[in-house]
Amino acid sequence: MNRVGLPLVDDLEGPVLREHRDAFRQGAHVMIGHTLLARYANAPYLGPRAAAEFPERRARNRFYAAVGALPPVTHEIADTYLDAGPARAFTLLADATRTGKHHE
C-alpha cells in the first residue's frame, strides 16, 4: 500500500482495503461511541458501567458502534447531554441508537 509511487492511503472502495472496509468502519464507530459515552455519560468502553451493562464484548461493540454511528453532536445536543448528567445522558444516548437521532 505504501510503496513509492502509490498514494499513502487507498480509499475503502479500492482493491487493497475493500475487504476490510466494514471492520474499519465499525472500529471507527466504536471509538466515536467510546468518546461520546466517556464524555457525556461517564461510561468509557473499558469502564465499570460498560462492563456491567455489556459484559460480552460483542454486545458492547454493537452498542458503542451504534452510538458512534449517530449523527454528529451539535453544541445544543452537547449541552443537553451535559445538563442531563451522566446517568440520564447514558439513557438518552441509548435511546438515540434506537431512533437514529439525538434528542434535542
PDB file of N, CA and C in Angstrom:
ATOM      1  N   MET A   1       0.802  -1.197   0.000  1.00  0.00           N
ATOM      2  CA  MET A   1       0.000   0.000   0.000  1.00  0.00           C
ATOM      3  C   MET A   1       0.848   1.266   0.000  1.00  0.00           C
ATOM      4  N   ASN A   2       1.980   1.251   0.653  1.00  0.00           N
ATOM      5  CA  ASN A   2       2.755   2.483   0.790  1.00  0.00           C
ATOM      6  C   ASN A   2       4.053   2.430  -0.018  1.00  0.00           C
ATOM      7  N   ARG A   3       4.049   1.722  -1.118  1.00  0.00           N
ATOM      8  CA  ARG A   3       5.230   1.685  -1.977  1.00  0.00           C
ATOM      9  C   ARG A   3       5.409   3.023  -2.688  1.00  0.00           C
ATOM     10  N   VAL A   4       6.618   3.290  -3.116  1.00  0.00           N
ATOM     11  CA  VAL A   4       6.914   4.505  -3.868  1.00  0.00           C
ATOM     12  C   VAL A   4       6.011   4.552  -5.095  1.00  0.00           C
ATOM     13  N   GLY A   5       5.429   5.718  -5.315  1.00  0.00           N
ATOM     14  CA  GLY A   5       4.579   5.894  -6.475  1.00  0.00           C
ATOM     15  C   GLY A   5       3.112   5.610  -6.215  1.00  0.00           C
ATOM     16  N   LEU A   6       2.783   5.029  -5.086  1.00  0.00           N
ATOM     17  CA  LEU A   6       1.387   4.768  -4.737  1.00  0.00           C
ATOM     18  C   LEU A   6       0.938   5.771  -3.687  1.00  0.00           C
ATOM     19  N   PRO A   7      -0.331   6.098  -3.670  1.00  0.00           N
ATOM     20  CA  PRO A   7      -0.812   7.002  -2.612  1.00  0.00           C
ATOM     21  C   PRO A   7      -0.615   6.356  -1.238  1.00  0.00           C
ATOM     22  N   LEU A   8      -0.471   7.190  -0.224  1.00  0.00           N
ATOM     23  CA  LEU A   8      -0.264   6.664   1.129  1.00  0.00           C
ATOM     24  C   LEU A   8      -1.486   5.922   1.656  1.00  0.00           C
ATOM     25  N   VAL A   9      -2.659   6.327   1.223  1.00  0.00           N
ATOM     26  CA  VAL A   9      -3.874   5.704   1.713  1.00  0.00           C
ATOM     27  C   VAL A   9      -4.744   5.304   0.531  1.00  0.00           C
ATOM     28  N   ASP A  10      -5.120   4.060   0.496  1.00  0.00           N
ATOM     29  CA  ASP A  10      -6.061   3.576  -0.507  1.00  0.00           C
ATOM     30  C   ASP A  10      -7.457   3.854   0.029  1.00  0.00           C
ATOM     31  N   ASP A  11      -8.386   4.299  -0.821  1.00  0.00           N
ATOM     32  CA  ASP A  11      -9.716   4.537  -0.283  1.00  0.00           C
ATOM     33  C   ASP A  11     -10.377   3.198   0.030  1.00  0.00           C
ATOM     34  N   LEU A  12     -11.393   3.228   0.848  1.00  0.00           N
ATOM     35  CA  LEU A  12     -12.005   1.991   1.339  1.00  0.00           C
ATOM     36  C   LEU A  12     -12.711   1.200   0.247  1.00  0.00           C
ATOM     37  N   GLU A  13     -12.896   1.774  -0.912  1.00  0.00           N
ATOM     38  CA  GLU A  13     -13.509   1.045  -2.018  1.00  0.00           C
ATOM     39  C   GLU A  13     -12.452   0.466  -2.964  1.00  0.00           C
ATOM     40  N   GLY A  14     -11.196   0.801  -2.715  1.00  0.00           N
ATOM     41  CA  GLY A  14     -10.121   0.318  -3.573  1.00  0.00           C
ATOM     42  C   GLY A  14      -9.829  -1.153  -3.345  1.00  0.00           C
ATOM     43  N   PRO A  15      -9.019  -1.736  -4.193  1.00  0.00           N
ATOM     44  CA  PRO A  15      -8.769  -3.177  -4.130  1.00  0.00           C
ATOM     45  C   PRO A  15      -8.036  -3.640  -2.873  1.00  0.00           C
ATOM     46  N   VAL A  16      -7.275  -2.777  -2.263  1.00  0.00           N
ATOM     47  CA  VAL A  16      -6.488  -3.182  -1.097  1.00  0.00           C
ATOM     48  C   VAL A  16      -7.332  -3.218   0.176  1.00  0.00           C
ATOM     49  N   LEU A  17      -8.163  -2.219   0.380  1.00  0.00           N
ATOM     50  CA  LEU A  17      -8.891  -2.098   1.652  1.00  0.00           C
ATOM     51  C   LEU A  17     -10.345  -2.555   1.608  1.00  0.00           C
ATOM     52  N   ARG A  18     -10.875  -2.782   0.434  1.00  0.00           N
ATOM     53  CA  ARG A  18     -12.302  -3.105   0.292  1.00  0.00           C
ATOM     54  C   ARG A  18     -12.744  -4.246   1.208  1.00  0.00           C
ATOM     55  N   GLU A  19     -11.950  -5.292   1.299  1.00  0.00           N
ATOM     56  CA  GLU A  19     -12.360  -6.446   2.106  1.00  0.00           C
ATOM     57  C   GLU A  19     -12.353  -6.155   3.616  1.00  0.00           C
ATOM     58  N   HIS A  20     -11.709  -5.068   4.020  1.00  0.00           N
ATOM     59  CA  HIS A  20     -11.637  -4.704   5.446  1.00  0.00           C
ATOM     60  C   HIS A  20     -12.507  -3.497   5.794  1.00  0.00           C
ATOM     61  N   ARG A  21     -13.207  -2.966   4.808  1.00  0.00           N
ATOM     62  CA  ARG A  21     -13.992  -1.740   4.954  1.00  0.00           C
ATOM     63  C   ARG A  21     -14.942  -1.787   6.140  1.00  0.00           C
ATOM     64  N   ASP A  22     -15.718  -2.842   6.276  1.00  0.00           N
ATOM     65  CA  ASP A  22     -16.706  -2.911   7.357  1.00  0.00           C
ATOM     66  C   ASP A  22     -16.045  -2.939   8.735  1.00  0.00           C
ATOM     67  N   ALA A  23     -14.942  -3.658   8.849  1.00  0.00           N
ATOM     68  CA  ALA A  23     -14.225  -3.707  10.130  1.00  0.00           C
ATOM     69  C   ALA A  23     -13.660  -2.334  10.491  1.00  0.00           C
ATOM     70  N   PHE A  24     -13.117  -1.614   9.496  1.00  0.00           N
ATOM     71  CA  PHE A  24     -12.588  -0.268   9.754  1.00  0.00           C
ATOM     72  C   PHE A  24     -13.698   0.673  10.205  1.00  0.00           C
ATOM     73  N   ARG A  25     -14.822   0.609   9.518  1.00  0.00           N
ATOM     74  CA  ARG A  25     -15.935   1.497   9.869  1.00  0.00           C
ATOM     75  C   ARG A  25     -16.484   1.171  11.255  1.00  0.00           C
ATOM     76  N   GLN A  26     -16.640  -0.118  11.553  1.00  0.00           N
ATOM     77  CA  GLN A  26     -17.145  -0.475  12.875  1.00  0.00           C
ATOM     78  C   GLN A  26     -16.161  -0.020  13.955  1.00  0.00           C
ATOM     79  N   GLY A  27     -14.883  -0.220  13.724  1.00  0.00           N
ATOM     80  CA  GLY A  27     -13.883   0.219  14.695  1.00  0.00           C
ATOM     81  C   GLY A  27     -13.928   1.720  14.920  1.00  0.00           C
ATOM     82  N   ALA A  28     -14.096   2.467  13.853  1.00  0.00           N
ATOM     83  CA  ALA A  28     -14.204   3.927  13.985  1.00  0.00           C
ATOM     84  C   ALA A  28     -15.456   4.296  14.772  1.00  0.00           C
ATOM     85  N   HIS A  29     -16.566   3.631  14.491  1.00  0.00           N
ATOM     86  CA  HIS A  29     -17.798   3.914  15.221  1.00  0.00           C
ATOM     87  C   HIS A  29     -17.671   3.560  16.702  1.00  0.00           C
ATOM     88  N   VAL A  30     -17.006   2.452  17.013  1.00  0.00           N
ATOM     89  CA  VAL A  30     -16.787   2.085  18.424  1.00  0.00           C
ATOM     90  C   VAL A  30     -15.970   3.177  19.118  1.00  0.00           C
ATOM     91  N   MET A  31     -14.936   3.679  18.449  1.00  0.00           N
ATOM     92  CA  MET A  31     -14.103   4.724  19.052  1.00  0.00           C
ATOM     93  C   MET A  31     -14.891   6.016  19.272  1.00  0.00           C
ATOM     94  N   ILE A  32     -15.728   6.379  18.313  1.00  0.00           N
ATOM     95  CA  ILE A  32     -16.549   7.576  18.466  1.00  0.00           C
ATOM     96  C   ILE A  32     -17.552   7.374  19.595  1.00  0.00           C
ATOM     97  N   GLY A  33     -18.177   6.187  19.632  1.00  0.00           N
ATOM     98  CA  GLY A  33     -19.116   5.875  20.712  1.00  0.00           C
ATOM     99  C   GLY A  33     -18.446   5.942  22.064  1.00  0.00           C
ATOM    100  N   HIS A  34     -17.245   5.391  22.162  1.00  0.00           N
ATOM    101  CA  HIS A  34     -16.481   5.456  23.415  1.00  0.00           C
ATOM    102  C   HIS A  34     -16.278   6.911  23.831  1.00  0.00           C
ATOM    103  N   THR A  35     -15.898   7.748  22.884  1.00  0.00           N
ATOM    104  CA  THR A  35     -15.632   9.151  23.188  1.00  0.00           C
ATOM    105  C   THR A  35     -16.899   9.848  23.692  1.00  0.00           C
ATOM    106  N   LEU A  36     -18.010   9.635  23.003  1.00  0.00           N
ATOM    107  CA  LEU A  36     -19.268  10.265  23.421  1.00  0.00           C
ATOM    108  C   LEU A  36     -19.727   9.757  24.784  1.00  0.00           C
ATOM    109  N   LEU A  37     -19.690   8.454  24.977  1.00  0.00           N
ATOM    110  CA  LEU A  37     -20.149   7.877  26.243  1.00  0.00           C
ATOM    111  C   LEU A  37     -19.212   8.233  27.396  1.00  0.00           C
ATOM    112  N   ALA A  38     -17.921   8.317  27.130  1.00  0.00           N
ATOM    113  CA  ALA A  38     -16.983   8.730  28.179  1.00  0.00           C
ATOM    114  C   ALA A  38     -17.221  10.183  28.565  1.00  0.00           C
ATOM    115  N   ARG A  39     -17.429  11.031  27.568  1.00  0.00           N
ATOM    116  CA  ARG A  39     -17.577  12.472  27.806  1.00  0.00           C
ATOM    117  C   ARG A  39     -18.881  12.826  28.499  1.00  0.00           C
ATOM    118  N   TYR A  40     -19.972  12.283  27.999  1.00  0.00           N
ATOM    119  CA  TYR A  40     -21.283  12.724  28.484  1.00  0.00           C
ATOM    120  C   TYR A  40     -21.921  11.784  29.505  1.00  0.00           C
ATOM    121  N   ALA A  41     -21.538  10.510  29.502  1.00  0.00           N
ATOM    122  CA  ALA A  41     -22.208   9.533  30.370  1.00  0.00           C
ATOM    123  C   ALA A  41     -21.270   8.855  31.356  1.00  0.00           C
ATOM    124  N   ASN A  42     -20.019   9.293  31.403  1.00  0.00           N
ATOM    125  CA  ASN A  42     -19.031   8.678  32.294  1.00  0.00           C
ATOM    126  C   ASN A  42     -19.029   7.157  32.126  1.00  0.00           C
ATOM    127  N   ALA A  43     -19.066   6.716  30.851  1.00  0.00           N
ATOM    128  CA  ALA A  43     -19.127   5.286  30.549  1.00  0.00           C
ATOM    129  C   ALA A  43     -18.149   4.930  29.432  1.00  0.00           C
ATOM    130  N   PRO A  44     -16.829   5.073  29.697  1.00  0.00           N
ATOM    131  CA  PRO A  44     -15.864   4.695  28.668  1.00  0.00           C
ATOM    132  C   PRO A  44     -15.959   3.194  28.383  1.00  0.00           C
ATOM    133  N   TYR A  45     -15.470   2.798  27.243  1.00  0.00           N
ATOM    134  CA  TYR A  45     -15.563   1.412  26.778  1.00  0.00           C
ATOM    135  C   TYR A  45     -15.065   0.402  27.814  1.00  0.00           C
ATOM    136  N   LEU A  46     -13.994   0.701  28.500  1.00  0.00           N
ATOM    137  CA  LEU A  46     -13.433  -0.230  29.481  1.00  0.00           C
ATOM    138  C   LEU A  46     -13.808   0.110  30.923  1.00  0.00           C
ATOM    139  N   GLY A  47     -14.781   0.989  31.107  1.00  0.00           N
ATOM    140  CA  GLY A  47     -15.192   1.398  32.444  1.00  0.00           C
ATOM    141  C   GLY A  47     -16.170   0.432  33.082  1.00  0.00           C
ATOM    142  N   PRO A  48     -16.425   0.633  34.377  1.00  0.00           N
ATOM    143  CA  PRO A  48     -17.315  -0.270  35.112  1.00  0.00           C
ATOM    144  C   PRO A  48     -18.754  -0.275  34.586  1.00  0.00           C
ATOM    145  N   ARG A  49     -19.252   0.855  34.136  1.00  0.00           N
ATOM    146  CA  ARG A  49     -20.628   0.878  33.616  1.00  0.00           C
ATOM    147  C   ARG A  49     -20.731   0.034  32.350  1.00  0.00           C
ATOM    148  N   ALA A  50     -19.761   0.157  31.472  1.00  0.00           N
ATOM    149  CA  ALA A  50     -19.757  -0.633  30.238  1.00  0.00           C
ATOM    150  C   ALA A  50     -19.677  -2.122  30.554  1.00  0.00           C
ATOM    151  N   ALA A  51     -18.831  -2.476  31.509  1.00  0.00           N
ATOM    152  CA  ALA A  51     -18.691  -3.885  31.882  1.00  0.00           C
ATOM    153  C   ALA A  51     -19.975  -4.429  32.491  1.00  0.00           C
ATOM    154  N   ALA A  52     -20.653  -3.604  33.286  1.00  0.00           N
ATOM    155  CA  ALA A  52     -21.897  -4.043  33.922  1.00  0.00           C
ATOM    156  C   ALA A  52     -23.030  -4.156  32.899  1.00  0.00           C
ATOM    157  N   GLU A  53     -23.145  -3.183  32.024  1.00  0.00           N
ATOM    158  CA  GLU A  53     -24.224  -3.167  31.031  1.00  0.00           C
ATOM    159  C   GLU A  53     -24.006  -4.184  29.911  1.00  0.00           C
ATOM    160  N   PHE A  54     -22.740  -4.346  29.522  1.00  0.00           N
ATOM    161  CA  PHE A  54     -22.407  -5.192  28.371  1.00  0.00           C
ATOM    162  C   PHE A  54     -21.198  -6.076  28.697  1.00  0.00           C
ATOM    163  N   PRO A  55     -21.391  -7.124  29.504  1.00  0.00           N
ATOM    164  CA  PRO A  55     -20.246  -7.968  29.871  1.00  0.00           C
ATOM    165  C   PRO A  55     -19.638  -8.707  28.675  1.00  0.00           C
ATOM    166  N   GLU A  56     -20.432  -8.952  27.632  1.00  0.00           N
ATOM    167  CA  GLU A  56     -19.902  -9.628  26.449  1.00  0.00           C
ATOM    168  C   GLU A  56     -19.387  -8.601  25.453  1.00  0.00           C
ATOM    169  N   ARG A  57     -18.195  -8.829  24.967  1.00  0.00           N
ATOM    170  CA  ARG A  57     -17.525  -7.889  24.069  1.00  0.00           C
ATOM    171  C   ARG A  57     -18.349  -7.584  22.817  1.00  0.00           C
ATOM    172  N   ARG A  58     -18.972  -8.584  22.236  1.00  0.00           N
ATOM    173  CA  ARG A  58     -19.752  -8.342  21.009  1.00  0.00           C
ATOM    174  C   ARG A  58     -20.912  -7.381  21.256  1.00  0.00           C
ATOM    175  N   ALA A  59     -21.604  -7.575  22.363  1.00  0.00           N
ATOM    176  CA  ALA A  59     -22.729  -6.684  22.687  1.00  0.00           C
ATOM    177  C   ALA A  59     -22.219  -5.271  22.954  1.00  0.00           C
ATOM    178  N   ARG A  60     -21.092  -5.173  23.646  1.00  0.00           N
ATOM    179  CA  ARG A  60     -20.512  -3.850  23.918  1.00  0.00           C
ATOM    180  C   ARG A  60     -20.108  -3.181  22.615  1.00  0.00           C
ATOM    181  N   ASN A  61     -19.457  -3.926  21.737  1.00  0.00           N
ATOM    182  CA  ASN A  61     -19.059  -3.357  20.442  1.00  0.00           C
ATOM    183  C   ASN A  61     -20.275  -2.882  19.654  1.00  0.00           C
ATOM    184  N   ARG A  62     -21.348  -3.672  19.641  1.00  0.00           N
ATOM    185  CA  ARG A  62     -22.555  -3.265  18.916  1.00  0.00           C
ATOM    186  C   ARG A  62     -23.116  -1.964  19.471  1.00  0.00           C
ATOM    187  N   PHE A  63     -23.192  -1.871  20.801  1.00  0.00           N
ATOM    188  CA  PHE A  63     -23.754  -0.673  21.418  1.00  0.00           C
ATOM    189  C   PHE A  63     -22.878   0.546  21.166  1.00  0.00           C
ATOM    190  N   TYR A  64     -21.594   0.427  21.429  1.00  0.00           N
ATOM    191  CA  TYR A  64     -20.697   1.570  21.246  1.00  0.00           C
ATOM    192  C   TYR A  64     -20.626   1.980  19.772  1.00  0.00           C
ATOM    193  N   ALA A  65     -20.675   1.017  18.853  1.00  0.00           N
ATOM    194  CA  ALA A  65     -20.694   1.339  17.428  1.00  0.00           C
ATOM    195  C   ALA A  65     -21.990   2.051  17.053  1.00  0.00           C
ATOM    196  N   ALA A  66     -23.107   1.631  17.638  1.00  0.00           N
ATOM    197  CA  ALA A  66     -24.389   2.284  17.351  1.00  0.00           C
ATOM    198  C   ALA A  66     -24.377   3.731  17.831  1.00  0.00           C
ATOM    199  N   VAL A  67     -23.805   3.980  19.003  1.00  0.00           N
ATOM    200  CA  VAL A  67     -23.685   5.357  19.488  1.00  0.00           C
ATOM    201  C   VAL A  67     -22.758   6.143  18.559  1.00  0.00           C
ATOM    202  N   GLY A  68     -21.659   5.543  18.163  1.00  0.00           N
ATOM    203  CA  GLY A  68     -20.713   6.215  17.281  1.00  0.00           C
ATOM    204  C   GLY A  68     -21.237   6.485  15.891  1.00  0.00           C
ATOM    205  N   ALA A  69     -22.248   5.743  15.465  1.00  0.00           N
ATOM    206  CA  ALA A  69     -22.819   5.932  14.131  1.00  0.00           C
ATOM    207  C   ALA A  69     -23.908   7.006  14.107  1.00  0.00           C
ATOM    208  N   LEU A  70     -24.257   7.546  15.271  1.00  0.00           N
ATOM    209  CA  LEU A  70     -25.265   8.611  15.320  1.00  0.00           C
ATOM    210  C   LEU A  70     -24.738   9.853  14.601  1.00  0.00           C
ATOM    211  N   PRO A  71     -25.637  10.738  14.179  1.00  0.00           N
ATOM    212  CA  PRO A  71     -25.181  11.991  13.554  1.00  0.00           C
ATOM    213  C   PRO A  71     -24.261  12.770  14.505  1.00  0.00           C
ATOM    214  N   PRO A  72     -23.456  13.653  13.970  1.00  0.00           N
ATOM    215  CA  PRO A  72     -22.556  14.440  14.824  1.00  0.00           C
ATOM    216  C   PRO A  72     -23.321  15.219  15.903  1.00  0.00           C
ATOM    217  N   VAL A  73     -22.656  15.389  17.033  1.00  0.00           N
ATOM    218  CA  VAL A  73     -23.237  16.123  18.155  1.00  0.00           C
ATOM    219  C   VAL A  73     -23.043  17.617  17.916  1.00  0.00           C
ATOM    220  N   THR A  74     -24.132  18.359  17.975  1.00  0.00           N
ATOM    221  CA  THR A  74     -24.073  19.818  17.850  1.00  0.00           C
ATOM    222  C   THR A  74     -23.821  20.414  19.236  1.00  0.00           C
ATOM    223  N   HIS A  75     -23.576  21.714  19.287  1.00  0.00           N
ATOM    224  CA  HIS A  75     -23.404  22.379  20.581  1.00  0.00           C
ATOM    225  C   HIS A  75     -24.661  22.238  21.433  1.00  0.00           C
ATOM    226  N   GLU A  76     -25.811  22.344  20.802  1.00  0.00           N
ATOM    227  CA  GLU A  76     -27.076  22.245  21.543  1.00  0.00           C
ATOM    228  C   GLU A  76     -27.267  20.847  22.121  1.00  0.00           C
ATOM    229  N   ILE A  77     -26.964  19.838  21.321  1.00  0.00           N
ATOM    230  CA  ILE A  77     -27.092  18.460  21.800  1.00  0.00           C
ATOM    231  C   ILE A  77     -26.082  18.204  22.911  1.00  0.00           C
ATOM    232  N   ALA A  78     -24.873  18.696  22.755  1.00  0.00           N
ATOM    233  CA  ALA A  78     -23.859  18.538  23.803  1.00  0.00           C
ATOM    234  C   ALA A  78     -24.350  19.155  25.106  1.00  0.00           C
ATOM    235  N   ASP A  79     -24.937  20.334  25.022  1.00  0.00           N
ATOM    236  CA  ASP A  79     -25.480  20.980  26.230  1.00  0.00           C
ATOM    237  C   ASP A  79     -26.581  20.139  26.861  1.00  0.00           C
ATOM    238  N   THR A  80     -27.420  19.531  26.025  1.00  0.00           N
ATOM    239  CA  THR A  80     -28.486  18.666  26.540  1.00  0.00           C
ATOM    240  C   THR A  80     -27.898  17.511  27.334  1.00  0.00           C
ATOM    241  N   TYR A  81     -26.875  16.855  26.787  1.00  0.00           N
ATOM    242  CA  TYR A  81     -26.246  15.730  27.487  1.00  0.00           C
ATOM    243  C   TYR A  81     -25.534  16.183  28.757  1.00  0.00           C
ATOM    244  N   LEU A  82     -24.840  17.301  28.678  1.00  0.00           N
ATOM    245  CA  LEU A  82     -24.153  17.803  29.869  1.00  0.00           C
ATOM    246  C   LEU A  82     -25.139  18.181  30.965  1.00  0.00           C
ATOM    247  N   ASP A  83     -26.223  18.846  30.589  1.00  0.00           N
ATOM    248  CA  ASP A  83     -27.243  19.251  31.561  1.00  0.00           C
ATOM    249  C   ASP A  83     -27.960  18.045  32.163  1.00  0.00           C
ATOM    250  N   ALA A  84     -28.066  16.975  31.397  1.00  0.00           N
ATOM    251  CA  ALA A  84     -28.781  15.784  31.862  1.00  0.00           C
ATOM    252  C   ALA A  84     -28.015  15.045  32.956  1.00  0.00           C
ATOM    253  N   GLY A  85     -26.706  15.148  32.951  1.00  0.00           N
ATOM    254  CA  GLY A  85     -25.888  14.376  33.883  1.00  0.00           C
ATOM    255  C   GLY A  85     -25.587  13.003  33.305  1.00  0.00           C
ATOM    256  N   PRO A  86     -24.573  12.328  33.842  1.00  0.00           N
ATOM    257  CA  PRO A  86     -24.102  11.077  33.249  1.00  0.00           C
ATOM    258  C   PRO A  86     -25.161   9.969  33.142  1.00  0.00           C
ATOM    259  N   ALA A  87     -25.918   9.720  34.184  1.00  0.00           N
ATOM    260  CA  ALA A  87     -26.881   8.611  34.142  1.00  0.00           C
ATOM    261  C   ALA A  87     -27.946   8.850  33.083  1.00  0.00           C
ATOM    262  N   ARG A  88     -28.508  10.055  33.068  1.00  0.00           N
ATOM    263  CA  ARG A  88     -29.554  10.378  32.089  1.00  0.00           C
ATOM    264  C   ARG A  88     -28.967  10.464  30.688  1.00  0.00           C
ATOM    265  N   ALA A  89     -27.755  10.978  30.547  1.00  0.00           N
ATOM    266  CA  ALA A  89     -27.117  11.056  29.227  1.00  0.00           C
ATOM    267  C   ALA A  89     -26.916   9.655  28.655  1.00  0.00           C
ATOM    268  N   PHE A  90     -26.558   8.700  29.492  1.00  0.00           N
ATOM    269  CA  PHE A  90     -26.412   7.315  29.030  1.00  0.00           C
ATOM    270  C   PHE A  90     -27.737   6.828  28.454  1.00  0.00           C
ATOM    271  N   THR A  91     -28.823   7.071  29.170  1.00  0.00           N
ATOM    272  CA  THR A  91     -30.151   6.665  28.704  1.00  0.00           C
ATOM    273  C   THR A  91     -30.521   7.378  27.413  1.00  0.00           C
ATOM    274  N   LEU A  92     -30.239   8.673  27.335  1.00  0.00           N
ATOM    275  CA  LEU A  92     -30.550   9.431  26.118  1.00  0.00           C
ATOM    276  C   LEU A  92     -29.765   8.905  24.913  1.00  0.00           C
ATOM    277  N   LEU A  93     -28.493   8.603  25.130  1.00  0.00           N
ATOM    278  CA  LEU A  93     -27.686   8.059  24.037  1.00  0.00           C
ATOM    279  C   LEU A  93     -28.171   6.667  23.635  1.00  0.00           C
ATOM    280  N   ALA A  94     -28.529   5.849  24.609  1.00  0.00           N
ATOM    281  CA  ALA A  94     -29.061   4.517  24.297  1.00  0.00           C
ATOM    282  C   ALA A  94     -30.363   4.640  23.515  1.00  0.00           C
ATOM    283  N   ASP A  95     -31.239   5.537  23.942  1.00  0.00           N
ATOM    284  CA  ASP A  95     -32.491   5.762  23.215  1.00  0.00           C
ATOM    285  C   ASP A  95     -32.220   6.252  21.793  1.00  0.00           C
ATOM    286  N   ALA A  96     -31.224   7.107  21.645  1.00  0.00           N
ATOM    287  CA  ALA A  96     -30.901   7.646  20.329  1.00  0.00           C
ATOM    288  C   ALA A  96     -30.461   6.553  19.354  1.00  0.00           C
ATOM    289  N   THR A  97     -29.856   5.491  19.869  1.00  0.00           N
ATOM    290  CA  THR A  97     -29.447   4.405  18.971  1.00  0.00           C
ATOM    291  C   THR A  97     -30.660   3.701  18.371  1.00  0.00           C
ATOM    292  N   ARG A  98     -31.781   3.754  19.058  1.00  0.00           N
ATOM    293  CA  ARG A  98     -32.999   3.111  18.538  1.00  0.00           C
ATOM    294  C   ARG A  98     -33.704   3.981  17.501  1.00  0.00           C
ATOM    295  N   THR A  99     -33.557   5.288  17.622  1.00  0.00           N
ATOM    296  CA  THR A  99     -34.223   6.193  16.680  1.00  0.00           C
ATOM    297  C   THR A  99     -33.290   6.683  15.575  1.00  0.00           C
ATOM    298  N   GLY A 100     -31.983   6.571  15.808  1.00  0.00           N
ATOM    299  CA  GLY A 100     -31.015   7.043  14.831  1.00  0.00           C
ATOM    300  C   GLY A 100     -30.754   8.527  14.869  1.00  0.00           C
ATOM    301  N   LYS A 101     -31.270   9.190  15.913  1.00  0.00           N
ATOM    302  CA  LYS A 101     -31.012  10.636  16.034  1.00  0.00           C
ATOM    303  C   LYS A 101     -30.951  11.021  17.509  1.00  0.00           C
ATOM    304  N   HIS A 102     -30.226  12.089  17.772  1.00  0.00           N
ATOM    305  CA  HIS A 102     -30.079  12.591  19.138  1.00  0.00           C
ATOM    306  C   HIS A 102     -31.355  13.288  19.590  1.00  0.00           C
ATOM    307  N   HIS A 103     -31.556  13.303  20.896  1.00  0.00           N
ATOM    308  CA  HIS A 103     -32.660  14.074  21.490  1.00  0.00           C
ATOM    309  C   HIS A 103     -32.209  15.527  21.590  1.00  0.00           C
ATOM    310  N   GLU A 104     -33.109  16.426  21.371  1.00  0.00           N
ATOM    311  CA  GLU A 104     -32.744  17.843  21.498  1.00  0.00           C
ATOM    312  C   GLU A 104     -33.527  18.495  22.607  1.00  0.00           C
TER     313      GLU A 104
END
